């Protein structure tokens, strides 16, 4: 339907104006009314409510009305797809992945936005991206056209670490934070079989996994120099799939051994790192969580460290060391500087005034110190 509408519009423009460039325009806002912007942002909190402090601040500063759309993180991709397919297309659309940009561009749901338009109307964003990481533009590019503004994530260059129940380590006679893969295996074995919580029951496990490909047993694979879910550059300069390399087989052999010994929770494959896996740790079912420590602020009451302490006042949670493998390797997956993409509803190709206003808001958020501090802190 969208493609048919865009084709009809293109034919009309060619007939009437002689060039597609003549089709862009600005829709007028009735006198006394404010421009309304439907904003589907990053799904931090699906239970959010409209008319929050920052929403009001932006509305007043830019003389607009915002209609924020709140969706939970886990439901975002599916609900967004259903909305767009139902012709309910917001003005601002947060895209998690370049593949989603391509899908939505192919379906005619999001607007093409040329680089020159961004450079003119959001110059600080344009210059910052080109200075910091120009390759990030590949995230919003589909068949030689640009369909949004990519994001940068400086935190994405950091390797995440795990967390341990230090009180469990103490209880099973381990007086240091495990560093090597053998030390980790020993601690997991004792967590499973030596009653680390002292309740006299056989109800604990060493660790669990995570369903996300970029965080599943991340430090175990890193200990062998493996990147199982990515293409990797070998020593001779060739690119091969990491899942088929000898290092991945070594890591899987270790994990298979641990699983056969009962050290890994039996339903690990169903665990989400920031969901059920975190709950198992907080509830004292496991004593080690791989690749989670760096994502949680200890000053946040909902951080896994604090939830664990709330449920068990005697609990002590500490960050892990990067796990060293037999050859001294260690590491993990990092996302990199490129993060997500802010796209814009297809209808904004015909509403240049609104698109300019949105770019003005976004550009001010990153260039004006007062606005940046207000919306960030």
Protein backbone atom coordinates (compact mmCIF):
# COMPACT_ATOMS: atom_id res chain seq x y z
CA UNK A 1 0.00 0.00 0.00
CA UNK A 2 2.80 2.38 0.93
CA UNK A 3 4.78 1.64 -2.20
CA UNK A 4 1.67 2.11 -4.35
CA UNK A 5 1.00 5.46 -2.69
CA UNK A 6 4.59 6.63 -3.17
CA UNK A 7 4.50 5.53 -6.85
CA UNK A 8 1.29 7.44 -7.45
CA UNK A 9 2.75 10.50 -5.75
CA UNK A 10 5.89 10.28 -7.86
CA UNK A 11 3.88 10.08 -11.08
CA UNK A 12 1.78 13.05 -10.03
CA UNK A 13 4.86 15.09 -9.26
CA UNK A 14 6.53 14.24 -12.54
CA UNK A 15 3.39 15.22 -14.38
CA UNK A 16 2.78 18.46 -12.55
CA UNK A 17 6.25 19.66 -11.65
CA UNK A 18 8.56 17.93 -14.08
CA UNK A 19 10.89 16.72 -11.31
CA UNK A 20 10.62 14.78 -8.10
CA UNK A 21 12.54 17.50 -6.28
CA UNK A 22 9.50 19.68 -6.68
CA UNK A 23 7.44 17.34 -4.52
CA UNK A 24 8.93 18.33 -1.19
CA UNK A 25 6.83 20.78 0.71
CA UNK A 26 5.83 22.15 4.07
CA UNK A 27 2.45 21.48 5.60
CA UNK A 28 0.95 24.49 7.28
CA UNK A 29 -0.05 24.44 10.93
CA UNK A 30 -3.35 26.16 11.66
CA UNK A 31 -3.11 29.48 13.45
CA UNK A 32 -3.08 29.06 17.21
CA UNK A 33 -2.12 25.37 16.98
CA UNK A 34 1.24 23.88 17.77
CA UNK A 35 3.04 21.35 15.64
CA UNK A 36 2.44 17.85 17.05
CA UNK A 37 5.28 15.31 16.86
CA UNK A 38 4.60 11.63 17.52
CA UNK A 39 7.84 10.32 18.98
CA UNK A 40 8.68 6.63 19.27
CA UNK A 41 12.01 6.82 21.09
CA UNK A 42 14.33 4.28 22.64
CA UNK A 43 12.17 1.87 24.72
CA UNK A 44 13.68 2.55 28.12
CA UNK A 45 10.42 2.09 30.00
CA UNK A 46 7.20 0.76 28.53
CA UNK A 47 5.27 1.94 31.58
CA UNK A 48 6.25 5.57 31.07
CA UNK A 49 3.58 8.27 31.20
CA UNK A 50 3.11 11.35 28.99
CA UNK A 51 3.65 14.90 30.22
CA UNK A 52 6.92 14.10 31.99
CA UNK A 53 9.40 16.80 32.99
CA UNK A 54 11.68 16.45 29.95
CA UNK A 55 8.74 16.24 27.56
CA UNK A 56 7.37 19.50 28.92
CA UNK A 57 10.81 21.10 28.77
CA UNK A 58 11.21 20.23 25.08
CA UNK A 59 7.65 21.29 24.26
CA UNK A 60 8.19 24.69 25.85
CA UNK A 61 11.66 25.24 24.42
CA UNK A 62 10.68 24.37 20.84
CA UNK A 63 7.00 25.40 20.91
CA UNK A 64 5.70 21.96 19.92
CA UNK A 65 3.43 19.25 21.26
CA UNK A 66 4.98 15.83 21.77
CA UNK A 67 3.09 12.54 21.74
CA UNK A 68 5.54 9.99 23.13
CA UNK A 69 4.91 6.31 22.41
CA UNK A 70 5.93 3.97 25.24
CA UNK A 71 6.76 0.32 24.51
CA UNK A 72 8.76 -2.12 26.61
CA UNK A 73 12.20 -3.14 25.39
CA UNK A 74 11.30 -6.79 24.82
CA UNK A 75 8.15 -6.00 22.86
CA UNK A 76 9.53 -3.10 20.85
CA UNK A 77 10.51 -4.77 17.59
CA UNK A 78 7.27 -6.74 17.20
CA UNK A 79 4.94 -3.93 18.29
CA UNK A 80 6.71 -1.41 16.09
CA UNK A 81 6.31 -3.73 13.10
CA UNK A 82 2.60 -4.19 13.83
CA UNK A 83 2.06 -0.44 14.12
CA UNK A 84 3.79 0.32 10.83
CA UNK A 85 1.99 -2.50 9.03
CA UNK A 86 -1.29 -1.06 10.32
CA UNK A 87 -0.42 2.33 8.78
CA UNK A 88 0.15 3.82 12.25
CA UNK A 89 3.46 5.50 11.46
CA UNK A 90 5.00 7.90 14.02
CA UNK A 91 7.07 10.91 13.02
CA UNK A 92 10.17 9.68 14.87
CA UNK A 93 10.97 5.95 14.82
CA UNK A 94 13.84 4.40 16.76
CA UNK A 95 15.45 1.55 14.81
CA UNK A 96 17.50 -1.04 16.71
CA UNK A 97 19.33 -2.54 13.77
CA UNK A 98 20.36 -1.73 10.18
CA UNK A 99 18.31 -4.71 9.01
CA UNK A 100 15.21 -3.01 10.45
CA UNK A 101 16.07 0.15 8.54
CA UNK A 102 16.27 -1.85 5.32
CA UNK A 103 13.00 -3.66 6.03
CA UNK A 104 11.14 -0.44 6.80
CA UNK A 105 12.69 1.40 3.85
CA UNK A 106 11.76 -1.41 1.46
CA UNK A 107 8.18 -1.33 2.77
CA UNK A 108 7.97 2.43 2.34
CA UNK A 109 7.48 3.11 6.06
CA UNK A 110 10.40 5.51 6.63
CA UNK A 111 11.55 8.62 4.82
CA UNK A 112 14.67 9.08 2.79
CA UNK A 113 16.70 11.92 4.29
CA UNK A 114 19.62 13.08 2.14
CA UNK A 115 22.97 13.88 3.75
CA UNK A 116 22.81 17.48 2.56
CA UNK A 117 19.48 17.94 4.33
CA UNK A 118 20.98 16.66 7.59
CA UNK A 119 24.09 18.79 7.11
CA UNK A 120 21.95 21.90 6.67
CA UNK A 121 19.41 21.28 9.43
CA UNK A 122 21.44 19.31 12.00
CA UNK A 123 25.01 20.46 11.32
CA UNK A 124 26.42 19.56 14.75
CA UNK A 125 25.18 15.98 14.52
CA UNK A 126 26.41 15.69 10.93
CA UNK A 127 29.87 17.02 11.75
CA UNK A 128 30.18 14.96 14.93
CA UNK A 129 29.37 11.69 13.17
CA UNK A 130 31.82 12.41 10.37
CA UNK A 131 34.54 13.32 12.84
CA UNK A 132 34.05 10.52 15.35
CA UNK A 133 33.12 7.55 13.15
CA UNK A 134 32.06 8.22 9.54
CA UNK A 135 31.50 4.49 8.92
CA UNK A 136 28.43 4.75 11.14
CA UNK A 137 26.49 6.12 8.15
CA UNK A 138 26.40 2.58 6.74
CA UNK A 139 23.79 1.79 9.41
CA UNK A 140 21.20 4.10 7.84
CA UNK A 141 22.11 3.48 4.19
CA UNK A 142 19.91 1.38 1.91
CA UNK A 143 20.78 1.02 -1.78
CA UNK A 144 22.73 4.30 -1.96
CA UNK A 145 20.11 6.28 -0.10
CA UNK A 146 20.10 7.46 3.52
CA UNK A 147 17.14 6.68 5.78
CA UNK A 148 17.91 8.20 9.15
CA UNK A 149 20.51 9.45 11.59
CA UNK A 150 22.76 6.79 13.14
CA UNK A 151 23.77 6.92 16.81
CA UNK A 152 27.17 6.70 18.45
CA UNK A 153 27.75 4.80 21.68
CA UNK A 154 31.05 5.48 23.40
CA UNK A 155 30.20 2.83 26.00
CA UNK A 156 29.99 0.38 23.12
CA UNK A 157 33.79 0.29 23.01
CA UNK A 158 34.00 -1.24 26.48
CA UNK A 159 34.14 -4.97 27.20
CA UNK A 160 31.53 -6.09 29.72
CA UNK A 161 32.60 -8.12 32.73
CA UNK A 162 30.85 -10.61 34.97
CA UNK A 163 29.85 -10.53 38.64
CA UNK A 164 30.42 -13.01 41.48
CA UNK A 165 28.80 -13.73 44.81
CA UNK A 166 31.91 -13.13 46.91
CA UNK A 167 30.20 -14.41 50.03
CA UNK A 168 29.68 -17.72 48.19
CA UNK A 169 33.36 -17.79 47.24
CA UNK A 170 34.24 -17.30 50.91
CA UNK A 171 31.79 -19.99 52.00
CA UNK A 172 33.35 -22.63 49.71
CA UNK A 173 36.91 -21.76 50.70
CA UNK A 174 37.98 -19.64 47.73
CA UNK A 175 39.83 -16.54 48.92
CA UNK A 176 40.35 -14.74 45.59
CA UNK A 177 38.30 -13.67 42.60
CA UNK A 178 38.78 -16.39 39.94
CA UNK A 179 40.96 -15.28 37.05
CA UNK A 180 41.71 -18.32 34.88
CA UNK A 181 39.27 -20.62 33.12
CA UNK A 182 40.29 -23.44 35.49
CA UNK A 183 39.71 -21.24 38.55
CA UNK A 184 36.29 -20.27 37.19
CA UNK A 185 35.42 -23.94 36.63
CA UNK A 186 36.52 -24.84 40.15
CA UNK A 187 34.37 -22.08 41.67
CA UNK A 188 31.34 -23.10 39.59
CA UNK A 189 31.75 -26.72 40.68
CA UNK A 190 31.84 -25.75 44.35
CA UNK A 191 28.87 -23.39 43.91
CA UNK A 192 26.89 -26.34 42.53
CA UNK A 193 27.97 -29.10 44.89
CA UNK A 194 29.24 -27.52 48.14
CA UNK A 195 26.09 -25.73 49.40
CA UNK A 196 27.46 -22.16 49.08
CA UNK A 197 24.38 -20.55 50.65
CA UNK A 198 24.48 -22.91 53.65
CA UNK A 199 20.80 -23.86 53.55
CA UNK A 200 21.49 -27.59 53.49
CA UNK A 201 19.73 -28.03 50.13
CA UNK A 202 21.04 -29.01 46.71
CA UNK A 203 19.45 -26.00 45.00
CA UNK A 204 22.27 -23.88 43.56
CA UNK A 205 24.17 -23.75 40.28
CA UNK A 206 27.40 -22.12 39.21
CA UNK A 207 26.11 -19.94 36.38
CA UNK A 208 23.58 -19.56 33.60
CA UNK A 209 23.80 -18.31 30.03
CA UNK A 210 21.94 -15.71 27.99
CA UNK A 211 19.79 -15.90 24.89
CA UNK A 212 21.41 -12.87 23.24
CA UNK A 213 24.08 -13.86 20.74
CA UNK A 214 26.37 -10.99 21.77
CA UNK A 215 26.40 -11.92 25.46
CA UNK A 216 26.09 -15.72 25.67
CA UNK A 217 29.06 -17.07 27.71
CA UNK A 218 30.96 -14.05 26.44
CA UNK A 219 33.96 -14.27 28.78
CA UNK A 220 34.31 -18.04 28.34
CA UNK A 221 34.58 -17.66 24.57
CA UNK A 222 36.94 -14.72 25.11
CA UNK A 223 39.25 -16.90 27.19
CA UNK A 224 39.93 -18.95 24.05
CA UNK A 225 40.10 -15.98 21.70
CA UNK A 226 36.82 -17.02 20.08
CA UNK A 227 34.14 -14.85 18.48
CA UNK A 228 31.54 -17.50 17.68
CA UNK A 229 28.80 -15.30 16.27
CA UNK A 230 30.89 -13.03 14.05
CA UNK A 231 33.11 -13.10 11.00
CA UNK A 232 36.72 -12.86 12.14
CA UNK A 233 40.00 -11.98 10.47
CA UNK A 234 42.49 -14.84 10.72
CA UNK A 235 46.26 -14.53 11.04
CA UNK A 236 46.74 -14.92 7.28
CA UNK A 237 44.31 -12.07 6.58
CA UNK A 238 41.34 -14.19 5.53
CA UNK A 239 37.84 -13.69 6.90
CA UNK A 240 36.15 -16.77 8.29
CA UNK A 241 33.05 -17.42 10.37
CA UNK A 242 34.02 -17.48 14.04
CA UNK A 243 31.60 -20.26 14.94
CA UNK A 244 33.57 -22.73 12.82
CA UNK A 245 37.04 -21.94 14.19
CA UNK A 246 39.10 -24.23 16.49
CA UNK A 247 38.98 -21.66 19.31
CA UNK A 248 35.19 -21.89 19.40
CA UNK A 249 35.37 -25.68 19.59
CA UNK A 250 37.72 -25.41 22.59
CA UNK A 251 35.33 -23.07 24.39
CA UNK A 252 32.34 -25.31 23.59
CA UNK A 253 34.19 -28.34 24.95
CA UNK A 254 34.70 -26.52 28.24
CA UNK A 255 31.06 -25.43 28.37
CA UNK A 256 29.87 -28.95 27.52
CA UNK A 257 31.98 -30.35 30.37
CA UNK A 258 30.59 -27.80 32.81
CA UNK A 259 27.03 -28.52 31.68
CA UNK A 260 27.47 -32.26 32.03
CA UNK A 261 28.67 -31.69 35.60
CA UNK A 262 25.57 -29.63 36.38
CA UNK A 263 27.49 -26.37 36.80
CA UNK A 264 25.32 -24.48 34.30
CA UNK A 265 21.62 -24.00 35.05
CA UNK A 266 19.64 -26.56 32.97
CA UNK A 267 17.35 -23.98 31.35
CA UNK A 268 20.11 -21.47 30.54
CA UNK A 269 19.00 -21.34 26.91
CA UNK A 270 15.80 -19.55 27.98
CA UNK A 271 17.50 -16.92 30.12
CA UNK A 272 17.78 -13.26 29.15
CA UNK A 273 20.81 -11.57 30.63
CA UNK A 274 18.98 -8.54 32.00
CA UNK A 275 15.84 -10.55 32.83
CA UNK A 276 15.63 -14.14 34.07
CA UNK A 277 19.41 -14.54 34.30
CA UNK A 278 19.61 -11.48 36.52
CA UNK A 279 16.70 -12.81 38.59
CA UNK A 280 18.44 -16.14 39.14
CA UNK A 281 21.50 -14.29 40.45
CA UNK A 282 19.51 -11.95 42.68
CA UNK A 283 17.47 -14.86 44.09
CA UNK A 284 20.54 -16.90 44.98
CA UNK A 285 20.12 -19.63 42.37
CA UNK A 286 23.50 -18.98 40.70
CA UNK A 287 26.71 -17.42 41.96
CA UNK A 288 28.31 -16.14 38.77
CA UNK A 289 26.82 -14.05 35.98
CA UNK A 290 28.92 -13.75 32.85
CA UNK A 291 29.10 -10.39 31.11
CA UNK A 292 26.68 -8.31 33.19
CA UNK A 293 28.69 -6.28 35.70
CA UNK A 294 29.53 -3.33 33.49
CA UNK A 295 25.90 -2.57 32.64
CA UNK A 296 24.71 -1.87 36.18
CA UNK A 297 25.19 1.32 38.16
CA UNK A 298 25.68 0.47 41.83
CA UNK A 299 23.91 3.69 42.80
CA UNK A 300 20.75 2.47 41.04
CA UNK A 301 18.32 0.75 43.42
CA UNK A 302 17.27 -1.65 40.64
CA UNK A 303 20.83 -2.74 39.83
CA UNK A 304 21.40 -6.47 40.21
CA UNK A 305 23.89 -5.87 43.03
CA UNK A 306 21.31 -3.97 45.05
CA UNK A 307 18.44 -6.36 44.28
CA UNK A 308 20.64 -9.23 45.51
CA UNK A 309 21.45 -7.35 48.69
CA UNK A 310 17.78 -6.55 49.25
CA UNK A 311 16.84 -10.23 49.06
CA UNK A 312 19.83 -11.36 51.10
CA UNK A 313 21.44 -8.70 53.34
CA UNK A 314 24.53 -10.89 53.79
CA UNK A 315 25.19 -11.10 50.05
CA UNK A 316 28.35 -9.50 48.69
CA UNK A 317 28.63 -8.92 44.95
CA UNK A 318 31.92 -8.12 43.20
CA UNK A 319 33.00 -7.62 39.61
CA UNK A 320 34.89 -10.40 37.89
CA UNK A 321 38.27 -10.36 36.21
CA UNK A 322 38.48 -11.02 32.47
CA UNK A 323 38.74 -14.80 32.30
CA UNK A 324 42.13 -15.99 31.04
CA UNK A 325 42.29 -19.11 28.91
CA UNK A 326 45.05 -21.76 28.56
CA UNK A 327 47.11 -19.45 26.35
CA UNK A 328 46.52 -16.35 28.49
CA UNK A 329 43.88 -14.91 26.17
CA UNK A 330 40.93 -12.97 27.51
CA UNK A 331 38.30 -10.65 26.15
CA UNK A 332 34.74 -10.41 25.04
CA UNK A 333 32.35 -8.99 22.50
CA UNK A 334 32.08 -5.22 22.17
CA UNK A 335 29.33 -3.55 20.20
CA UNK A 336 31.54 -0.77 18.86
CA UNK A 337 30.82 2.91 18.34
CA UNK A 338 27.91 2.40 15.96
CA UNK A 339 24.69 1.85 17.87
CA UNK A 340 21.14 2.38 16.58
CA UNK A 341 19.34 4.66 14.12
CA UNK A 342 16.75 7.42 14.43
CA UNK A 343 14.45 7.19 11.42
CA UNK A 344 11.49 9.30 10.35
CA UNK A 345 8.02 8.40 9.11
CA UNK A 346 7.62 8.19 5.34
CA UNK A 347 5.00 10.95 5.41
CA UNK A 348 7.66 13.47 6.46
CA UNK A 349 9.03 13.42 2.92
CA UNK A 350 6.04 15.68 2.26
CA UNK A 351 6.26 17.68 5.49
CA UNK A 352 9.62 19.39 5.39
CA UNK A 353 8.71 21.85 8.15
CA UNK A 354 8.14 19.08 10.68
CA UNK A 355 11.27 17.21 9.62
CA UNK A 356 13.30 20.40 10.03
CA UNK A 357 11.84 20.95 13.48
CA UNK A 358 12.68 17.40 14.58
CA UNK A 359 16.25 17.83 13.34
CA UNK A 360 16.48 21.14 15.20
CA UNK A 361 15.42 19.41 18.42
CA UNK A 362 17.87 16.54 17.95
CA UNK A 363 20.71 18.87 17.03
CA UNK A 364 20.09 21.09 20.05
CA UNK A 365 20.10 18.05 22.33
CA UNK A 366 23.72 17.33 21.43
CA UNK A 367 25.05 20.86 20.83
CA UNK A 368 23.49 23.04 23.54
CA UNK A 369 25.07 22.35 26.94
CA UNK A 370 22.02 23.40 28.95
CA UNK A 371 19.65 21.22 26.94
CA UNK A 372 22.07 18.30 27.00
CA UNK A 373 22.44 18.41 30.77
CA UNK A 374 18.72 18.87 31.35
CA UNK A 375 17.60 15.92 29.22
CA UNK A 376 20.51 13.68 30.30
CA UNK A 377 20.65 14.19 34.05
